[in-house]
Amino acid sequence: MKVLVILQGPAYGDERAYNGLRLAGNLAKREGVEVRIFCFGDAVGCAIADQQVPNGYYHLDRMLTSAARHGAEVGLCGTCMDARGILDPMLVPDARRSTLDEVTDWIMWADKTVTF
């Protein structure tokens, strides 16, 4: 099965990105499941490396990296990155700048698409 998880919400403004990455990470661990994660809007902030959060709080950058280590591919809307001043060197190694054309291809690739 091929699953695309689209994140649109803010990295830490609510729980959508957190829950989307929890699901993506869990799916990526399953045998026979291919996962791709695409971040639009404020969700591109999930991929900023070395996030400093309060003690005991979740780290979205680490969650994204964990999903990638289990085979998930991670794309970020380049236009959304530019609008927020996020540069490629600021990203975790497993995430990369992407395009609307690529996420369109990913939607066509996926058996299921889930949006957070």
PDB file of N, CA and C in Angstrom:
ATOM      1  N   MET A   1       0.834  -1.169   0.000  1.00  0.00           N
ATOM      2  CA  MET A   1       0.000   0.000   0.000  1.00  0.00           C
ATOM      3  C   MET A   1       0.888   1.245   0.000  1.00  0.00           C
ATOM      4  N   LYS A   2       0.454   2.267  -0.718  1.00  0.00           N
ATOM      5  CA  LYS A   2       1.183   3.531  -0.805  1.00  0.00           C
ATOM      6  C   LYS A   2       0.331   4.634  -0.182  1.00  0.00           C
ATOM      7  N   VAL A   3       0.901   5.331   0.820  1.00  0.00           N
ATOM      8  CA  VAL A   3       0.156   6.349   1.561  1.00  0.00           C
ATOM      9  C   VAL A   3       0.891   7.683   1.494  1.00  0.00           C
ATOM     10  N   LEU A   4       0.142   8.711   1.158  1.00  0.00           N
ATOM     11  CA  LEU A   4       0.654  10.077   1.178  1.00  0.00           C
ATOM     12  C   LEU A   4       0.024  10.798   2.358  1.00  0.00           C
ATOM     13  N   VAL A   5       0.860  11.382   3.208  1.00  0.00           N
ATOM     14  CA  VAL A   5       0.401  12.184   4.334  1.00  0.00           C
ATOM     15  C   VAL A   5       0.731  13.636   4.022  1.00  0.00           C
ATOM     16  N   ILE A   6      -0.298  14.466   3.946  1.00  0.00           N
ATOM     17  CA  ILE A   6      -0.108  15.884   3.679  1.00  0.00           C
ATOM     18  C   ILE A   6      -0.327  16.655   4.974  1.00  0.00           C
ATOM     19  N   LEU A   7       0.682  17.438   5.354  1.00  0.00           N
ATOM     20  CA  LEU A   7       0.597  18.288   6.538  1.00  0.00           C
ATOM     21  C   LEU A   7       0.425  19.725   6.087  1.00  0.00           C
ATOM     22  N   GLN A   8      -0.516  20.433   6.697  1.00  0.00           N
ATOM     23  CA  GLN A   8      -0.765  21.831   6.341  1.00  0.00           C
ATOM     24  C   GLN A   8      -0.745  22.761   7.550  1.00  0.00           C
ATOM     25  N   GLY A   9      -0.985  22.207   8.730  1.00  0.00           N
ATOM     26  CA  GLY A   9      -1.108  23.032   9.922  1.00  0.00           C
ATOM     27  C   GLY A   9       0.243  23.487  10.446  1.00  0.00           C
ATOM     28  N   PRO A  10       0.213  24.413  11.393  1.00  0.00           N
ATOM     29  CA  PRO A  10       1.464  24.924  11.960  1.00  0.00           C
ATOM     30  C   PRO A  10       2.222  23.832  12.710  1.00  0.00           C
ATOM     31  N   ALA A  11       3.517  23.972  12.750  1.00  0.00           N
ATOM     32  CA  ALA A  11       4.344  22.971  13.413  1.00  0.00           C
ATOM     33  C   ALA A  11       3.947  22.802  14.878  1.00  0.00           C
ATOM     34  N   TYR A  12       3.771  23.881  15.600  1.00  0.00           N
ATOM     35  CA  TYR A  12       3.470  23.771  17.022  1.00  0.00           C
ATOM     36  C   TYR A  12       2.226  24.544  17.450  1.00  0.00           C
ATOM     37  N   GLY A  13       1.424  25.047  16.536  1.00  0.00           N
ATOM     38  CA  GLY A  13       0.245  25.822  16.902  1.00  0.00           C
ATOM     39  C   GLY A  13      -0.924  24.976  17.356  1.00  0.00           C
ATOM     40  N   ASP A  14      -0.992  23.755  16.877  1.00  0.00           N
ATOM     41  CA  ASP A  14      -2.014  22.803  17.293  1.00  0.00           C
ATOM     42  C   ASP A  14      -1.423  21.402  17.127  1.00  0.00           C
ATOM     43  N   GLU A  15      -2.217  20.398  17.240  1.00  0.00           N
ATOM     44  CA  GLU A  15      -1.704  19.022  17.242  1.00  0.00           C
ATOM     45  C   GLU A  15      -1.770  18.329  15.882  1.00  0.00           C
ATOM     46  N   ARG A  16      -2.190  19.040  14.826  1.00  0.00           N
ATOM     47  CA  ARG A  16      -2.336  18.364  13.533  1.00  0.00           C
ATOM     48  C   ARG A  16      -1.017  17.825  12.999  1.00  0.00           C
ATOM     49  N   ALA A  17       0.027  18.634  12.983  1.00  0.00           N
ATOM     50  CA  ALA A  17       1.318  18.166  12.475  1.00  0.00           C
ATOM     51  C   ALA A  17       1.851  17.016  13.329  1.00  0.00           C
ATOM     52  N   TYR A  18       1.720  17.147  14.630  1.00  0.00           N
ATOM     53  CA  TYR A  18       2.154  16.093  15.553  1.00  0.00           C
ATOM     54  C   TYR A  18       1.443  14.779  15.240  1.00  0.00           C
ATOM     55  N   ASN A  19       0.123  14.825  15.139  1.00  0.00           N
ATOM     56  CA  ASN A  19      -0.629  13.595  14.873  1.00  0.00           C
ATOM     57  C   ASN A  19      -0.356  13.051  13.476  1.00  0.00           C
ATOM     58  N   GLY A  20      -0.187  13.928  12.499  1.00  0.00           N
ATOM     59  CA  GLY A  20       0.156  13.478  11.151  1.00  0.00           C
ATOM     60  C   GLY A  20       1.492  12.769  11.110  1.00  0.00           C
ATOM     61  N   LEU A  21       2.478  13.296  11.840  1.00  0.00           N
ATOM     62  CA  LEU A  21       3.790  12.655  11.873  1.00  0.00           C
ATOM     63  C   LEU A  21       3.772  11.378  12.701  1.00  0.00           C
ATOM     64  N   ARG A  22       2.951  11.329  13.723  1.00  0.00           N
ATOM     65  CA  ARG A  22       2.789  10.075  14.472  1.00  0.00           C
ATOM     66  C   ARG A  22       2.254   8.989  13.549  1.00  0.00           C
ATOM     67  N   LEU A  23       1.218   9.327  12.788  1.00  0.00           N
ATOM     68  CA  LEU A  23       0.631   8.361  11.873  1.00  0.00           C
ATOM     69  C   LEU A  23       1.624   7.963  10.786  1.00  0.00           C
ATOM     70  N   ALA A  24       2.285   8.929  10.177  1.00  0.00           N
ATOM     71  CA  ALA A  24       3.251   8.632   9.108  1.00  0.00           C
ATOM     72  C   ALA A  24       4.367   7.728   9.613  1.00  0.00           C
ATOM     73  N   GLY A  25       4.871   8.021  10.806  1.00  0.00           N
ATOM     74  CA  GLY A  25       5.938   7.202  11.376  1.00  0.00           C
ATOM     75  C   GLY A  25       5.478   5.776  11.648  1.00  0.00           C
ATOM     76  N   ASN A  26       4.266   5.637  12.143  1.00  0.00           N
ATOM     77  CA  ASN A  26       3.728   4.312  12.426  1.00  0.00           C
ATOM     78  C   ASN A  26       3.488   3.530  11.137  1.00  0.00           C
ATOM     79  N   LEU A  27       2.955   4.199  10.134  1.00  0.00           N
ATOM     80  CA  LEU A  27       2.745   3.548   8.840  1.00  0.00           C
ATOM     81  C   LEU A  27       4.064   3.113   8.215  1.00  0.00           C
ATOM     82  N   ALA A  28       5.087   3.968   8.314  1.00  0.00           N
ATOM     83  CA  ALA A  28       6.385   3.674   7.700  1.00  0.00           C
ATOM     84  C   ALA A  28       7.033   2.425   8.295  1.00  0.00           C
ATOM     85  N   LYS A  29       6.673   2.099   9.528  1.00  0.00           N
ATOM     86  CA  LYS A  29       7.228   0.910  10.193  1.00  0.00           C
ATOM     87  C   LYS A  29       6.548  -0.380   9.743  1.00  0.00           C
ATOM     88  N   ARG A  30       5.425  -0.257   9.075  1.00  0.00           N
ATOM     89  CA  ARG A  30       4.666  -1.443   8.663  1.00  0.00           C
ATOM     90  C   ARG A  30       5.240  -2.043   7.389  1.00  0.00           C
ATOM     91  N   GLU A  31       5.305  -3.341   7.363  1.00  0.00           N
ATOM     92  CA  GLU A  31       5.808  -4.040   6.184  1.00  0.00           C
ATOM     93  C   GLU A  31       4.821  -3.870   5.030  1.00  0.00           C
ATOM     94  N   GLY A  32       5.355  -3.606   3.863  1.00  0.00           N
ATOM     95  CA  GLY A  32       4.530  -3.475   2.669  1.00  0.00           C
ATOM     96  C   GLY A  32       3.860  -2.124   2.504  1.00  0.00           C
ATOM     97  N   VAL A  33       4.209  -1.158   3.352  1.00  0.00           N
ATOM     98  CA  VAL A  33       3.616   0.177   3.253  1.00  0.00           C
ATOM     99  C   VAL A  33       4.704   1.173   2.869  1.00  0.00           C
ATOM    100  N   GLU A  34       4.451   1.913   1.798  1.00  0.00           N
ATOM    101  CA  GLU A  34       5.345   3.000   1.385  1.00  0.00           C
ATOM    102  C   GLU A  34       4.685   4.309   1.789  1.00  0.00           C
ATOM    103  N   VAL A  35       5.472   5.204   2.385  1.00  0.00           N
ATOM    104  CA  VAL A  35       4.934   6.457   2.892  1.00  0.00           C
ATOM    105  C   VAL A  35       5.696   7.633   2.292  1.00  0.00           C
ATOM    106  N   ARG A  36       4.939   8.639   1.929  1.00  0.00           N
ATOM    107  CA  ARG A  36       5.500   9.934   1.538  1.00  0.00           C
ATOM    108  C   ARG A  36       4.799  11.007   2.355  1.00  0.00           C
ATOM    109  N   ILE A  37       5.572  11.996   2.770  1.00  0.00           N
ATOM    110  CA  ILE A  37       5.052  13.105   3.573  1.00  0.00           C
ATOM    111  C   ILE A  37       5.311  14.391   2.805  1.00  0.00           C
ATOM    112  N   PHE A  38       4.262  15.195   2.652  1.00  0.00           N
ATOM    113  CA  PHE A  38       4.435  16.491   1.991  1.00  0.00           C
ATOM    114  C   PHE A  38       3.913  17.572   2.918  1.00  0.00           C
ATOM    115  N   CYS A  39       4.715  18.616   3.105  1.00  0.00           N
ATOM    116  CA  CYS A  39       4.355  19.726   3.986  1.00  0.00           C
ATOM    117  C   CYS A  39       4.063  20.978   3.178  1.00  0.00           C
ATOM    118  N   PHE A  40       2.880  21.535   3.414  1.00  0.00           N
ATOM    119  CA  PHE A  40       2.467  22.814   2.853  1.00  0.00           C
ATOM    120  C   PHE A  40       2.410  23.850   3.976  1.00  0.00           C
ATOM    121  N   GLY A  41       2.399  25.123   3.604  1.00  0.00           N
ATOM    122  CA  GLY A  41       2.154  26.210   4.556  1.00  0.00           C
ATOM    123  C   GLY A  41       3.082  26.161   5.756  1.00  0.00           C
ATOM    124  N   ASP A  42       2.503  26.446   6.923  1.00  0.00           N
ATOM    125  CA  ASP A  42       3.302  26.481   8.141  1.00  0.00           C
ATOM    126  C   ASP A  42       3.887  25.133   8.529  1.00  0.00           C
ATOM    127  N   ALA A  43       3.381  24.057   7.957  1.00  0.00           N
ATOM    128  CA  ALA A  43       3.909  22.724   8.278  1.00  0.00           C
ATOM    129  C   ALA A  43       5.357  22.554   7.818  1.00  0.00           C
ATOM    130  N   VAL A  44       5.835  23.398   6.895  1.00  0.00           N
ATOM    131  CA  VAL A  44       7.240  23.277   6.486  1.00  0.00           C
ATOM    132  C   VAL A  44       8.175  23.487   7.679  1.00  0.00           C
ATOM    133  N   GLY A  45       7.698  24.169   8.714  1.00  0.00           N
ATOM    134  CA  GLY A  45       8.491  24.368   9.924  1.00  0.00           C
ATOM    135  C   GLY A  45       8.802  23.083  10.669  1.00  0.00           C
ATOM    136  N   CYS A  46       8.069  22.034  10.394  1.00  0.00           N
ATOM    137  CA  CYS A  46       8.344  20.733  11.025  1.00  0.00           C
ATOM    138  C   CYS A  46       9.740  20.227  10.662  1.00  0.00           C
ATOM    139  N   ALA A  47      10.242  20.637   9.521  1.00  0.00           N
ATOM    140  CA  ALA A  47      11.505  20.106   9.009  1.00  0.00           C
ATOM    141  C   ALA A  47      12.712  20.958   9.375  1.00  0.00           C
ATOM    142  N   ILE A  48      12.540  21.994  10.167  1.00  0.00           N
ATOM    143  CA  ILE A  48      13.683  22.796  10.600  1.00  0.00           C
ATOM    144  C   ILE A  48      14.481  21.975  11.609  1.00  0.00           C
ATOM    145  N   ALA A  49      15.769  21.861  11.370  1.00  0.00           N
ATOM    146  CA  ALA A  49      16.647  21.036  12.203  1.00  0.00           C
ATOM    147  C   ALA A  49      16.897  21.671  13.569  1.00  0.00           C
ATOM    148  N   ASP A  50      17.214  20.817  14.528  1.00  0.00           N
ATOM    149  CA  ASP A  50      17.659  21.237  15.863  1.00  0.00           C
ATOM    150  C   ASP A  50      16.678  22.163  16.563  1.00  0.00           C
ATOM    151  N   GLN A  51      15.420  21.797  16.541  1.00  0.00           N
ATOM    152  CA  GLN A  51      14.395  22.607  17.198  1.00  0.00           C
ATOM    153  C   GLN A  51      14.606  22.599  18.715  1.00  0.00           C
ATOM    154  N   GLN A  52      14.412  23.751  19.312  1.00  0.00           N
ATOM    155  CA  GLN A  52      14.514  23.901  20.759  1.00  0.00           C
ATOM    156  C   GLN A  52      13.103  24.030  21.315  1.00  0.00           C
ATOM    157  N   VAL A  53      12.661  23.009  22.026  1.00  0.00           N
ATOM    158  CA  VAL A  53      11.316  22.998  22.598  1.00  0.00           C
ATOM    159  C   VAL A  53      11.432  22.773  24.102  1.00  0.00           C
ATOM    160  N   PRO A  54      10.373  23.104  24.854  1.00  0.00           N
ATOM    161  CA  PRO A  54      10.427  22.897  26.302  1.00  0.00           C
ATOM    162  C   PRO A  54      10.692  21.437  26.657  1.00  0.00           C
ATOM    163  N   ASN A  55      11.317  21.243  27.776  1.00  0.00           N
ATOM    164  CA  ASN A  55      11.625  19.903  28.272  1.00  0.00           C
ATOM    165  C   ASN A  55      10.356  19.056  28.335  1.00  0.00           C
ATOM    166  N   GLY A  56      10.402  17.861  27.779  1.00  0.00           N
ATOM    167  CA  GLY A  56       9.264  16.957  27.783  1.00  0.00           C
ATOM    168  C   GLY A  56       8.305  17.145  26.616  1.00  0.00           C
ATOM    169  N   TYR A  57       8.555  18.135  25.763  1.00  0.00           N
ATOM    170  CA  TYR A  57       7.696  18.416  24.623  1.00  0.00           C
ATOM    171  C   TYR A  57       8.185  17.618  23.421  1.00  0.00           C
ATOM    172  N   TYR A  58       7.296  17.301  22.505  1.00  0.00           N
ATOM    173  CA  TYR A  58       7.687  16.528  21.325  1.00  0.00           C
ATOM    174  C   TYR A  58       8.523  17.375  20.363  1.00  0.00           C
ATOM    175  N   HIS A  59       9.385  16.696  19.611  1.00  0.00           N
ATOM    176  CA  HIS A  59      10.262  17.321  18.613  1.00  0.00           C
ATOM    177  C   HIS A  59       9.800  16.867  17.231  1.00  0.00           C
ATOM    178  N   LEU A  60       9.164  17.740  16.489  1.00  0.00           N
ATOM    179  CA  LEU A  60       8.663  17.362  15.163  1.00  0.00           C
ATOM    180  C   LEU A  60       9.794  17.043  14.197  1.00  0.00           C
ATOM    181  N   ASP A  61      10.916  17.740  14.319  1.00  0.00           N
ATOM    182  CA  ASP A  61      12.049  17.438  13.444  1.00  0.00           C
ATOM    183  C   ASP A  61      12.534  16.008  13.654  1.00  0.00           C
ATOM    184  N   ARG A  62      12.558  15.558  14.887  1.00  0.00           N
ATOM    185  CA  ARG A  62      12.987  14.189  15.187  1.00  0.00           C
ATOM    186  C   ARG A  62      11.959  13.171  14.711  1.00  0.00           C
ATOM    187  N   MET A  63      10.688  13.505  14.856  1.00  0.00           N
ATOM    188  CA  MET A  63       9.628  12.605  14.393  1.00  0.00           C
ATOM    189  C   MET A  63       9.693  12.445  12.878  1.00  0.00           C
ATOM    190  N   LEU A  64       9.931  13.541  12.174  1.00  0.00           N
ATOM    191  CA  LEU A  64      10.036  13.500  10.716  1.00  0.00           C
ATOM    192  C   LEU A  64      11.251  12.665  10.301  1.00  0.00           C
ATOM    193  N   THR A  65      12.361  12.873  10.987  1.00  0.00           N
ATOM    194  CA  THR A  65      13.581  12.114  10.701  1.00  0.00           C
ATOM    195  C   THR A  65      13.374  10.625  10.967  1.00  0.00           C
ATOM    196  N   SER A  66      12.667  10.293  12.031  1.00  0.00           N
ATOM    197  CA  SER A  66      12.390   8.886  12.343  1.00  0.00           C
ATOM    198  C   SER A  66      11.552   8.236  11.249  1.00  0.00           C
ATOM    199  N   ALA A  67      10.530   8.946  10.786  1.00  0.00           N
ATOM    200  CA  ALA A  67       9.706   8.400   9.690  1.00  0.00           C
ATOM    201  C   ALA A  67      10.568   8.162   8.452  1.00  0.00           C
ATOM    202  N   ALA A  68      11.458   9.101   8.164  1.00  0.00           N
ATOM    203  CA  ALA A  68      12.345   8.962   6.997  1.00  0.00           C
ATOM    204  C   ALA A  68      13.292   7.781   7.164  1.00  0.00           C
ATOM    205  N   ARG A  69      13.776   7.568   8.367  1.00  0.00           N
ATOM    206  CA  ARG A  69      14.662   6.414   8.612  1.00  0.00           C
ATOM    207  C   ARG A  69      13.953   5.090   8.373  1.00  0.00           C
ATOM    208  N   HIS A  70      12.640   5.111   8.490  1.00  0.00           N
ATOM    209  CA  HIS A  70      11.851   3.907   8.221  1.00  0.00           C
ATOM    210  C   HIS A  70      11.341   3.879   6.778  1.00  0.00           C
ATOM    211  N   GLY A  71      11.892   4.749   5.933  1.00  0.00           N
ATOM    212  CA  GLY A  71      11.606   4.683   4.512  1.00  0.00           C
ATOM    213  C   GLY A  71      10.701   5.758   3.951  1.00  0.00           C
ATOM    214  N   ALA A  72      10.145   6.625   4.799  1.00  0.00           N
ATOM    215  CA  ALA A  72       9.275   7.684   4.287  1.00  0.00           C
ATOM    216  C   ALA A  72      10.090   8.722   3.514  1.00  0.00           C
ATOM    217  N   GLU A  73       9.525   9.196   2.438  1.00  0.00           N
ATOM    218  CA  GLU A  73      10.130  10.278   1.658  1.00  0.00           C
ATOM    219  C   GLU A  73       9.447  11.575   2.083  1.00  0.00           C
ATOM    220  N   VAL A  74      10.231  12.657   2.211  1.00  0.00           N
ATOM    221  CA  VAL A  74       9.695  13.918   2.734  1.00  0.00           C
ATOM    222  C   VAL A  74       9.954  15.054   1.761  1.00  0.00           C
ATOM    223  N   GLY A  75       8.873  15.709   1.332  1.00  0.00           N
ATOM    224  CA  GLY A  75       8.974  16.873   0.462  1.00  0.00           C
ATOM    225  C   GLY A  75       8.332  18.082   1.118  1.00  0.00           C
ATOM    226  N   LEU A  76       8.902  19.243   0.862  1.00  0.00           N
ATOM    227  CA  LEU A  76       8.408  20.500   1.418  1.00  0.00           C
ATOM    228  C   LEU A  76       8.091  21.464   0.293  1.00  0.00           C
ATOM    229  N   CYS A  77       6.973  22.139   0.407  1.00  0.00           N
ATOM    230  CA  CYS A  77       6.597  23.135  -0.594  1.00  0.00           C
ATOM    231  C   CYS A  77       7.648  24.239  -0.633  1.00  0.00           C
ATOM    232  N   GLY A  78       8.320  24.378  -1.757  1.00  0.00           N
ATOM    233  CA  GLY A  78       9.370  25.384  -1.896  1.00  0.00           C
ATOM    234  C   GLY A  78       8.841  26.800  -1.782  1.00  0.00           C
ATOM    235  N   THR A  79       7.685  27.060  -2.351  1.00  0.00           N
ATOM    236  CA  THR A  79       7.071  28.385  -2.257  1.00  0.00           C
ATOM    237  C   THR A  79       6.756  28.716  -0.803  1.00  0.00           C
ATOM    238  N   CYS A  80       6.251  27.736  -0.067  1.00  0.00           N
ATOM    239  CA  CYS A  80       5.923  27.930   1.351  1.00  0.00           C
ATOM    240  C   CYS A  80       7.190  28.174   2.170  1.00  0.00           C
ATOM    241  N   MET A  81       8.275  27.474   1.832  1.00  0.00           N
ATOM    242  CA  MET A  81       9.558  27.705   2.497  1.00  0.00           C
ATOM    243  C   MET A  81      10.014  29.133   2.262  1.00  0.00           C
ATOM    244  N   ASP A  82       9.970  29.568   1.016  1.00  0.00           N
ATOM    245  CA  ASP A  82      10.416  30.917   0.671  1.00  0.00           C
ATOM    246  C   ASP A  82       9.615  31.982   1.414  1.00  0.00           C
ATOM    247  N   ALA A  83       8.303  31.783   1.505  1.00  0.00           N
ATOM    248  CA  ALA A  83       7.432  32.756   2.165  1.00  0.00           C
ATOM    249  C   ALA A  83       7.748  32.876   3.654  1.00  0.00           C
ATOM    250  N   ARG A  84       8.385  31.845   4.224  1.00  0.00           N
ATOM    251  CA  ARG A  84       8.697  31.842   5.645  1.00  0.00           C
ATOM    252  C   ARG A  84      10.187  32.020   5.923  1.00  0.00           C
ATOM    253  N   GLY A  85      10.956  32.285   4.891  1.00  0.00           N
ATOM    254  CA  GLY A  85      12.391  32.509   5.063  1.00  0.00           C
ATOM    255  C   GLY A  85      13.156  31.267   5.471  1.00  0.00           C
ATOM    256  N   ILE A  86      12.633  30.089   5.125  1.00  0.00           N
ATOM    257  CA  ILE A  86      13.302  28.835   5.466  1.00  0.00           C
ATOM    258  C   ILE A  86      14.193  28.426   4.303  1.00  0.00           C
ATOM    259  N   LEU A  87      15.477  28.317   4.582  1.00  0.00           N
ATOM    260  CA  LEU A  87      16.467  27.976   3.564  1.00  0.00           C
ATOM    261  C   LEU A  87      16.828  26.495   3.654  1.00  0.00           C
ATOM    262  N   ASP A  88      17.266  25.937   2.543  1.00  0.00           N
ATOM    263  CA  ASP A  88      17.614  24.514   2.489  1.00  0.00           C
ATOM    264  C   ASP A  88      18.593  24.088   3.588  1.00  0.00           C
ATOM    265  N   PRO A  89      19.645  24.870   3.904  1.00  0.00           N
ATOM    266  CA  PRO A  89      20.578  24.430   4.952  1.00  0.00           C
ATOM    267  C   PRO A  89      19.958  24.354   6.350  1.00  0.00           C
ATOM    268  N   MET A  90      18.765  24.907   6.538  1.00  0.00           N
ATOM    269  CA  MET A  90      18.097  24.889   7.833  1.00  0.00           C
ATOM    270  C   MET A  90      17.347  23.580   8.082  1.00  0.00           C
ATOM    271  N   LEU A  91      17.242  22.746   7.064  1.00  0.00           N
ATOM    272  CA  LEU A  91      16.395  21.555   7.126  1.00  0.00           C
ATOM    273  C   LEU A  91      17.108  20.334   7.689  1.00  0.00           C
ATOM    274  N   VAL A  92      16.314  19.418   8.253  1.00  0.00           N
ATOM    275  CA  VAL A  92      16.858  18.115   8.624  1.00  0.00           C
ATOM    276  C   VAL A  92      17.323  17.435   7.333  1.00  0.00           C
ATOM    277  N   PRO A  93      18.337  16.590   7.416  1.00  0.00           N
ATOM    278  CA  PRO A  93      18.887  15.971   6.207  1.00  0.00           C
ATOM    279  C   PRO A  93      17.887  15.165   5.381  1.00  0.00           C
ATOM    280  N   ASP A  94      16.857  14.636   6.012  1.00  0.00           N
ATOM    281  CA  ASP A  94      15.928  13.750   5.305  1.00  0.00           C
ATOM    282  C   ASP A  94      14.794  14.483   4.598  1.00  0.00           C
ATOM    283  N   ALA A  95      14.708  15.801   4.739  1.00  0.00           N
ATOM    284  CA  ALA A  95      13.655  16.584   4.081  1.00  0.00           C
ATOM    285  C   ALA A  95      14.279  17.419   2.974  1.00  0.00           C
ATOM    286  N   ARG A  96      13.467  17.684   1.949  1.00  0.00           N
ATOM    287  CA  ARG A  96      14.004  18.475   0.843  1.00  0.00           C
ATOM    288  C   ARG A  96      12.918  19.357   0.238  1.00  0.00           C
ATOM    289  N   ARG A  97      13.381  20.425  -0.368  1.00  0.00           N
ATOM    290  CA  ARG A  97      12.507  21.340  -1.099  1.00  0.00           C
ATOM    291  C   ARG A  97      11.842  20.585  -2.243  1.00  0.00           C
ATOM    292  N   SER A  98      10.575  20.833  -2.446  1.00  0.00           N
ATOM    293  CA  SER A  98       9.833  20.151  -3.495  1.00  0.00           C
ATOM    294  C   SER A  98       8.941  21.158  -4.228  1.00  0.00           C
ATOM    295  N   THR A  99       8.053  20.621  -5.048  1.00  0.00           N
ATOM    296  CA  THR A  99       7.220  21.477  -5.899  1.00  0.00           C
ATOM    297  C   THR A  99       5.776  20.983  -5.925  1.00  0.00           C
ATOM    298  N   LEU A 100       4.905  21.832  -6.425  1.00  0.00           N
ATOM    299  CA  LEU A 100       3.509  21.452  -6.619  1.00  0.00           C
ATOM    300  C   LEU A 100       3.403  20.317  -7.637  1.00  0.00           C
ATOM    301  N   ASP A 101       4.251  20.334  -8.657  1.00  0.00           N
ATOM    302  CA  ASP A 101       4.251  19.249  -9.643  1.00  0.00           C
ATOM    303  C   ASP A 101       4.570  17.909  -8.983  1.00  0.00           C
ATOM    304  N   GLU A 102       5.541  17.917  -8.065  1.00  0.00           N
ATOM    305  CA  GLU A 102       5.903  16.657  -7.429  1.00  0.00           C
ATOM    306  C   GLU A 102       4.781  16.148  -6.520  1.00  0.00           C
ATOM    307  N   VAL A 103       4.171  17.016  -5.716  1.00  0.00           N
ATOM    308  CA  VAL A 103       3.091  16.536  -4.853  1.00  0.00           C
ATOM    309  C   VAL A 103       1.897  16.084  -5.689  1.00  0.00           C
ATOM    310  N   THR A 104       1.704  16.685  -6.836  1.00  0.00           N
ATOM    311  CA  THR A 104       0.651  16.217  -7.746  1.00  0.00           C
ATOM    312  C   THR A 104       0.956  14.792  -8.198  1.00  0.00           C
ATOM    313  N   ASP A 105       2.208  14.525  -8.556  1.00  0.00           N
ATOM    314  CA  ASP A 105       2.622  13.169  -8.920  1.00  0.00           C
ATOM    315  C   ASP A 105       2.435  12.208  -7.745  1.00  0.00           C
ATOM    316  N   TRP A 106       2.750  12.672  -6.542  1.00  0.00           N
ATOM    317  CA  TRP A 106       2.612  11.823  -5.363  1.00  0.00           C
ATOM    318  C   TRP A 106       1.146  11.469  -5.111  1.00  0.00           C
ATOM    319  N   ILE A 107       0.246  12.420  -5.333  1.00  0.00           N
ATOM    320  CA  ILE A 107      -1.181  12.140  -5.165  1.00  0.00           C
ATOM    321  C   ILE A 107      -1.615  11.056  -6.148  1.00  0.00           C
ATOM    322  N   MET A 108      -1.131  11.133  -7.380  1.00  0.00           N
ATOM    323  CA  MET A 108      -1.453  10.124  -8.387  1.00  0.00           C
ATOM    324  C   MET A 108      -0.846   8.763  -8.014  1.00  0.00           C
ATOM    325  N   TRP A 109       0.302   8.765  -7.363  1.00  0.00           N
ATOM    326  CA  TRP A 109       1.004   7.546  -6.936  1.00  0.00           C
ATOM    327  C   TRP A 109       0.281   6.842  -5.794  1.00  0.00           C
ATOM    328  N   ALA A 110      -0.298   7.616  -4.871  1.00  0.00           N
ATOM    329  CA  ALA A 110      -0.821   7.083  -3.616  1.00  0.00           C
ATOM    330  C   ALA A 110      -2.106   6.297  -3.784  1.00  0.00           C
ATOM    331  N   ASP A 111      -2.209   5.223  -3.003  1.00  0.00           N
ATOM    332  CA  ASP A 111      -3.476   4.501  -2.883  1.00  0.00           C
ATOM    333  C   ASP A 111      -4.410   5.252  -1.931  1.00  0.00           C
ATOM    334  N   LYS A 112      -3.806   5.886  -0.927  1.00  0.00           N
ATOM    335  CA  LYS A 112      -4.571   6.665   0.047  1.00  0.00           C
ATOM    336  C   LYS A 112      -3.815   7.955   0.335  1.00  0.00           C
ATOM    337  N   THR A 113      -4.570   9.039   0.505  1.00  0.00           N
ATOM    338  CA  THR A 113      -4.002  10.323   0.891  1.00  0.00           C
ATOM    339  C   THR A 113      -4.720  10.780   2.156  1.00  0.00           C
ATOM    340  N   VAL A 114      -3.938  11.145   3.158  1.00  0.00           N
ATOM    341  CA  VAL A 114      -4.467  11.619   4.429  1.00  0.00           C
ATOM    342  C   VAL A 114      -3.938  13.040   4.641  1.00  0.00           C
ATOM    343  N   THR A 115      -4.829  13.937   5.045  1.00  0.00           N
ATOM    344  CA  THR A 115      -4.432  15.340   5.228  1.00  0.00           C
ATOM    345  C   THR A 115      -4.653  15.781   6.665  1.00  0.00           C
ATOM    346  N   PHE A 116      -3.646  16.444   7.210  1.00  0.00           N
ATOM    347  CA  PHE A 116      -3.713  17.012   8.555  1.00  0.00           C
ATOM    348  C   PHE A 116      -3.497  18.507   8.468  1.00  0.00           C
TER     349      PHE A 116
END
